Amino acid sequence: MKRLSFLLLLVLTCTVFATEAIAAKKVAVYAEGEIPNSTKSIVCSSVLSRLSGNKDYKAFERNSAFVNALDKEQDYQTSGDVPEKEIREVAQRMGVDYVIVVNTVISADEQCHMSARLIDLVTGEILKTVNLKREYAGSEAITLMANNLAYRLINNNSK
């Protein structure tokens, strides 16, 4: 009887943990916009930092393979912007379910405009978008904005 109870408890525990692991959404982050690569790196790091503390999301680092794959796309070479379709295709090849695309622009009047969208790669549906605008005062403003943006994207109570 004890063996049967132990086996049942073990199966139940494995099922609970397997369900949690399967439920976690695999997400890649891509930053674009009229900003230097170092600033894009700050944006990605801030978003990934926020994702890493959330049990509903499994963050995949924006690595050189992801960026290089996007760089090779002809549309990127000619226009300077990566079409959403290209981002989705590359992210799917990397094995993620979702991608967060963050666009950052620092305008001539020293305002930082940051927008992000959470995209389901299977359907192509944009699940949520967030826009922020703040006075640009250096990399600290970028870090705070990206962190806030990520929080609002993954928080179910945020609109």
C-alpha atoms as a PDB file:
ATOM      1  CA  MET A   1       0.000   0.000   0.000  1.00  0.00           C
ATOM      2  CA  LYS A   2       2.835   2.402   0.829  1.00  0.00           C
ATOM      3  CA  ARG A   3       4.466   1.680  -2.520  1.00  0.00           C
ATOM      4  CA  LEU A   4       1.254   2.390  -4.361  1.00  0.00           C
ATOM      5  CA  SER A   5       0.741   5.656  -2.451  1.00  0.00           C
ATOM      6  CA  PHE A   6       4.341   6.680  -3.117  1.00  0.00           C
ATOM      7  CA  LEU A   7       4.016   5.835  -6.828  1.00  0.00           C
ATOM      8  CA  LEU A   8       0.784   7.792  -7.077  1.00  0.00           C
ATOM      9  CA  LEU A   9       2.372  10.790  -5.342  1.00  0.00           C
ATOM     10  CA  LEU A  10       5.398  10.599  -7.648  1.00  0.00           C
ATOM     11  CA  VAL A  11       3.225  10.504 -10.777  1.00  0.00           C
ATOM     12  CA  LEU A  12       1.130  13.417  -9.530  1.00  0.00           C
ATOM     13  CA  THR A  13       4.243  15.482  -8.757  1.00  0.00           C
ATOM     14  CA  CYS A  14       5.758  14.775 -12.182  1.00  0.00           C
ATOM     15  CA  THR A  15       2.499  15.712 -13.885  1.00  0.00           C
ATOM     16  CA  VAL A  16       2.299  19.040 -12.056  1.00  0.00           C
ATOM     17  CA  PHE A  17       5.903  19.973 -12.899  1.00  0.00           C
ATOM     18  CA  ALA A  18       5.555  18.808 -16.504  1.00  0.00           C
ATOM     19  CA  THR A  19       2.418  20.909 -16.928  1.00  0.00           C
ATOM     20  CA  GLU A  20       4.229  23.985 -15.583  1.00  0.00           C
ATOM     21  CA  ALA A  21       7.185  23.416 -17.908  1.00  0.00           C
ATOM     22  CA  ILE A  22       4.937  22.942 -20.925  1.00  0.00           C
ATOM     23  CA  ALA A  23       2.845  25.998 -20.048  1.00  0.00           C
ATOM     24  CA  ALA A  24       5.863  28.321 -20.021  1.00  0.00           C
ATOM     25  CA  LYS A  25       5.925  30.401 -23.193  1.00  0.00           C
ATOM     26  CA  LYS A  26       9.264  30.403 -24.993  1.00  0.00           C
ATOM     27  CA  VAL A  27      10.046  34.001 -25.952  1.00  0.00           C
ATOM     28  CA  ALA A  28      12.812  35.675 -27.929  1.00  0.00           C
ATOM     29  CA  VAL A  29      13.439  39.412 -27.812  1.00  0.00           C
ATOM     30  CA  TYR A  30      14.434  41.574 -30.753  1.00  0.00           C
ATOM     31  CA  ALA A  31      15.230  45.292 -30.561  1.00  0.00           C
ATOM     32  CA  GLU A  32      15.156  47.552 -33.575  1.00  0.00           C
ATOM     33  CA  GLY A  33      14.996  51.240 -34.290  1.00  0.00           C
ATOM     34  CA  GLU A  34      17.143  54.247 -35.017  1.00  0.00           C
ATOM     35  CA  ILE A  35      19.542  53.634 -32.134  1.00  0.00           C
ATOM     36  CA  PRO A  36      23.082  52.245 -31.853  1.00  0.00           C
ATOM     37  CA  ASN A  37      23.670  48.516 -31.336  1.00  0.00           C
ATOM     38  CA  SER A  38      24.844  49.175 -27.790  1.00  0.00           C
ATOM     39  CA  THR A  39      21.473  50.741 -26.970  1.00  0.00           C
ATOM     40  CA  LYS A  40      19.653  47.818 -28.598  1.00  0.00           C
ATOM     41  CA  SER A  41      21.650  45.532 -26.329  1.00  0.00           C
ATOM     42  CA  ILE A  42      20.518  47.532 -23.278  1.00  0.00           C
ATOM     43  CA  VAL A  43      16.890  47.232 -24.409  1.00  0.00           C
ATOM     44  CA  CYS A  44      17.154  43.463 -24.902  1.00  0.00           C
ATOM     45  CA  SER A  45      18.948  42.922 -21.607  1.00  0.00           C
ATOM     46  CA  SER A  46      16.312  44.893 -19.710  1.00  0.00           C
ATOM     47  CA  VAL A  47      13.423  43.011 -21.301  1.00  0.00           C
ATOM     48  CA  LEU A  48      15.120  39.632 -20.753  1.00  0.00           C
ATOM     49  CA  SER A  49      15.790  40.549 -17.140  1.00  0.00           C
ATOM     50  CA  ARG A  50      12.103  41.200 -16.560  1.00  0.00           C
ATOM     51  CA  LEU A  51      11.105  37.982 -18.367  1.00  0.00           C
ATOM     52  CA  SER A  52      13.522  35.821 -16.423  1.00  0.00           C
ATOM     53  CA  GLY A  53      11.642  36.408 -13.189  1.00  0.00           C
ATOM     54  CA  ASN A  54       8.286  35.352 -14.614  1.00  0.00           C
ATOM     55  CA  LYS A  55       7.257  31.683 -14.381  1.00  0.00           C
ATOM     56  CA  ASP A  56       4.900  31.995 -17.363  1.00  0.00           C
ATOM     57  CA  TYR A  57       7.711  32.875 -19.772  1.00  0.00           C
ATOM     58  CA  LYS A  58      10.952  31.156 -20.663  1.00  0.00           C
ATOM     59  CA  ALA A  59      13.346  33.751 -22.051  1.00  0.00           C
ATOM     60  CA  PHE A  60      15.684  32.978 -24.931  1.00  0.00           C
ATOM     61  CA  GLU A  61      18.578  35.345 -25.258  1.00  0.00           C
ATOM     62  CA  ARG A  62      18.874  37.596 -28.261  1.00  0.00           C
ATOM     63  CA  ASN A  63      22.083  36.176 -29.553  1.00  0.00           C
ATOM     64  CA  SER A  64      24.271  36.738 -32.563  1.00  0.00           C
ATOM     65  CA  ALA A  65      22.707  33.794 -34.427  1.00  0.00           C
ATOM     66  CA  PHE A  66      19.291  35.440 -34.220  1.00  0.00           C
ATOM     67  CA  VAL A  67      20.555  38.840 -35.324  1.00  0.00           C
ATOM     68  CA  ASN A  68      22.771  37.383 -38.063  1.00  0.00           C
ATOM     69  CA  ALA A  69      19.848  35.414 -39.463  1.00  0.00           C
ATOM     70  CA  LEU A  70      17.825  38.599 -39.657  1.00  0.00           C
ATOM     71  CA  ASP A  71      20.734  40.473 -41.190  1.00  0.00           C
ATOM     72  CA  LYS A  72      20.842  37.973 -44.047  1.00  0.00           C
ATOM     73  CA  GLU A  73      17.265  38.622 -45.065  1.00  0.00           C
ATOM     74  CA  GLN A  74      17.120  40.668 -48.229  1.00  0.00           C
ATOM     75  CA  ASP A  75      14.374  42.980 -46.991  1.00  0.00           C
ATOM     76  CA  TYR A  76      16.559  43.949 -44.048  1.00  0.00           C
ATOM     77  CA  GLN A  77      19.518  44.619 -46.346  1.00  0.00           C
ATOM     78  CA  THR A  78      17.534  46.950 -48.571  1.00  0.00           C
ATOM     79  CA  SER A  79      15.241  48.779 -46.189  1.00  0.00           C
ATOM     80  CA  GLY A  80      17.031  48.955 -42.860  1.00  0.00           C
ATOM     81  CA  ASP A  81      13.901  47.687 -41.085  1.00  0.00           C
ATOM     82  CA  VAL A  82      13.165  44.038 -40.484  1.00  0.00           C
ATOM     83  CA  PRO A  83       9.695  43.078 -41.634  1.00  0.00           C
ATOM     84  CA  GLU A  84       7.653  41.292 -38.990  1.00  0.00           C
ATOM     85  CA  LYS A  85       7.333  38.260 -41.267  1.00  0.00           C
ATOM     86  CA  GLU A  86      11.125  37.836 -41.324  1.00  0.00           C
ATOM     87  CA  ILE A  87      11.376  38.121 -37.545  1.00  0.00           C
ATOM     88  CA  ARG A  88       8.654  35.497 -37.135  1.00  0.00           C
ATOM     89  CA  GLU A  89      10.334  33.070 -39.538  1.00  0.00           C
ATOM     90  CA  VAL A  90      13.741  33.358 -37.876  1.00  0.00           C
ATOM     91  CA  ALA A  91      12.267  33.057 -34.369  1.00  0.00           C
ATOM     92  CA  GLN A  92      10.326  29.937 -35.374  1.00  0.00           C
ATOM     93  CA  ARG A  93      13.536  28.366 -36.711  1.00  0.00           C
ATOM     94  CA  MET A  94      15.100  29.050 -33.315  1.00  0.00           C
ATOM     95  CA  GLY A  95      12.326  27.114 -31.561  1.00  0.00           C
ATOM     96  CA  VAL A  96      10.470  29.870 -29.722  1.00  0.00           C
ATOM     97  CA  ASP A  97       6.716  30.336 -29.550  1.00  0.00           C
ATOM     98  CA  TYR A  98       6.606  34.107 -29.157  1.00  0.00           C
ATOM     99  CA  VAL A  99       8.771  37.079 -29.943  1.00  0.00           C
ATOM    100  CA  ILE A 100       8.810  40.492 -28.343  1.00  0.00           C
ATOM    101  CA  VAL A 101       9.810  43.166 -30.840  1.00  0.00           C
ATOM    102  CA  VAL A 102      10.861  46.479 -29.331  1.00  0.00           C
ATOM    103  CA  ASN A 103      11.230  49.549 -31.534  1.00  0.00           C
ATOM    104  CA  THR A 104      13.089  52.520 -30.056  1.00  0.00           C
ATOM    105  CA  VAL A 105      13.515  55.970 -31.556  1.00  0.00           C
ATOM    106  CA  ILE A 106      15.136  59.013 -29.977  1.00  0.00           C
ATOM    107  CA  SER A 107      13.639  62.038 -31.670  1.00  0.00           C
ATOM    108  CA  ALA A 108      15.324  65.350 -32.416  1.00  0.00           C
ATOM    109  CA  ASP A 109      13.567  66.946 -29.431  1.00  0.00           C
ATOM    110  CA  GLU A 110      15.289  64.427 -27.075  1.00  0.00           C
ATOM    111  CA  GLN A 111      12.169  62.346 -26.548  1.00  0.00           C
ATOM    112  CA  CYS A 112      12.523  58.570 -26.420  1.00  0.00           C
ATOM    113  CA  HIS A 113       9.681  56.684 -28.078  1.00  0.00           C
ATOM    114  CA  MET A 114       9.575  52.966 -27.334  1.00  0.00           C
ATOM    115  CA  SER A 115       6.951  50.545 -28.549  1.00  0.00           C
ATOM    116  CA  ALA A 116       6.758  46.788 -28.218  1.00  0.00           C
ATOM    117  CA  ARG A 117       4.540  44.012 -29.417  1.00  0.00           C
ATOM    118  CA  LEU A 118       4.183  40.420 -28.254  1.00  0.00           C
ATOM    119  CA  ILE A 119       3.672  38.219 -31.305  1.00  0.00           C
ATOM    120  CA  ASP A 120       2.400  34.643 -31.399  1.00  0.00           C
ATOM    121  CA  LEU A 121       4.605  32.984 -34.015  1.00  0.00           C
ATOM    122  CA  VAL A 122       2.143  30.242 -34.908  1.00  0.00           C
ATOM    123  CA  THR A 123      -0.728  32.532 -35.821  1.00  0.00           C
ATOM    124  CA  GLY A 124       1.147  35.780 -36.400  1.00  0.00           C
ATOM    125  CA  GLU A 125      -1.331  37.474 -34.071  1.00  0.00           C
ATOM    126  CA  ILE A 126      -0.132  40.468 -32.102  1.00  0.00           C
ATOM    127  CA  LEU A 127      -1.267  39.578 -28.595  1.00  0.00           C
ATOM    128  CA  LYS A 128      -0.403  42.847 -26.914  1.00  0.00           C
ATOM    129  CA  THR A 129       1.229  46.182 -27.678  1.00  0.00           C
ATOM    130  CA  VAL A 130       2.704  48.802 -25.389  1.00  0.00           C
ATOM    131  CA  ASN A 131       3.899  52.342 -26.182  1.00  0.00           C
ATOM    132  CA  LEU A 132       5.952  54.642 -23.979  1.00  0.00           C
ATOM    133  CA  LYS A 133       7.376  58.120 -24.388  1.00  0.00           C
ATOM    134  CA  ARG A 134       9.790  59.852 -22.024  1.00  0.00           C
ATOM    135  CA  GLU A 135      12.431  62.501 -22.085  1.00  0.00           C
ATOM    136  CA  TYR A 136      15.717  60.918 -23.098  1.00  0.00           C
ATOM    137  CA  ALA A 137      18.379  61.379 -20.436  1.00  0.00           C
ATOM    138  CA  GLY A 138      20.833  58.619 -21.336  1.00  0.00           C
ATOM    139  CA  SER A 139      20.967  54.862 -21.011  1.00  0.00           C
ATOM    140  CA  GLU A 140      19.232  54.843 -17.620  1.00  0.00           C
ATOM    141  CA  ALA A 141      16.040  56.120 -19.288  1.00  0.00           C
ATOM    142  CA  ILE A 142      16.286  53.338 -21.887  1.00  0.00           C
ATOM    143  CA  THR A 143      16.735  50.706 -19.158  1.00  0.00           C
ATOM    144  CA  LEU A 144      13.760  51.931 -17.142  1.00  0.00           C
ATOM    145  CA  MET A 145      11.526  52.212 -20.193  1.00  0.00           C
ATOM    146  CA  ALA A 146      12.389  48.718 -21.473  1.00  0.00           C
ATOM    147  CA  ASN A 147      11.818  47.226 -18.038  1.00  0.00           C
ATOM    148  CA  ASN A 148       8.434  48.958 -17.725  1.00  0.00           C
ATOM    149  CA  LEU A 149       7.509  47.959 -21.264  1.00  0.00           C
ATOM    150  CA  ALA A 150       8.280  44.279 -20.604  1.00  0.00           C
ATOM    151  CA  TYR A 151       6.335  44.331 -17.358  1.00  0.00           C
ATOM    152  CA  ARG A 152       3.282  45.754 -19.083  1.00  0.00           C
ATOM    153  CA  LEU A 153       3.553  43.215 -21.922  1.00  0.00           C
ATOM    154  CA  ILE A 154       3.656  40.119 -19.724  1.00  0.00           C
ATOM    155  CA  ASN A 155       1.407  41.242 -16.890  1.00  0.00           C
ATOM    156  CA  ASN A 156      -2.143  39.992 -17.392  1.00  0.00           C
ATOM    157  CA  ASN A 157      -3.594  42.897 -15.413  1.00  0.00           C
ATOM    158  CA  SER A 158      -1.872  45.563 -17.498  1.00  0.00           C
ATOM    159  CA  LYS A 159      -3.560  47.105 -20.502  1.00  0.00           C
END
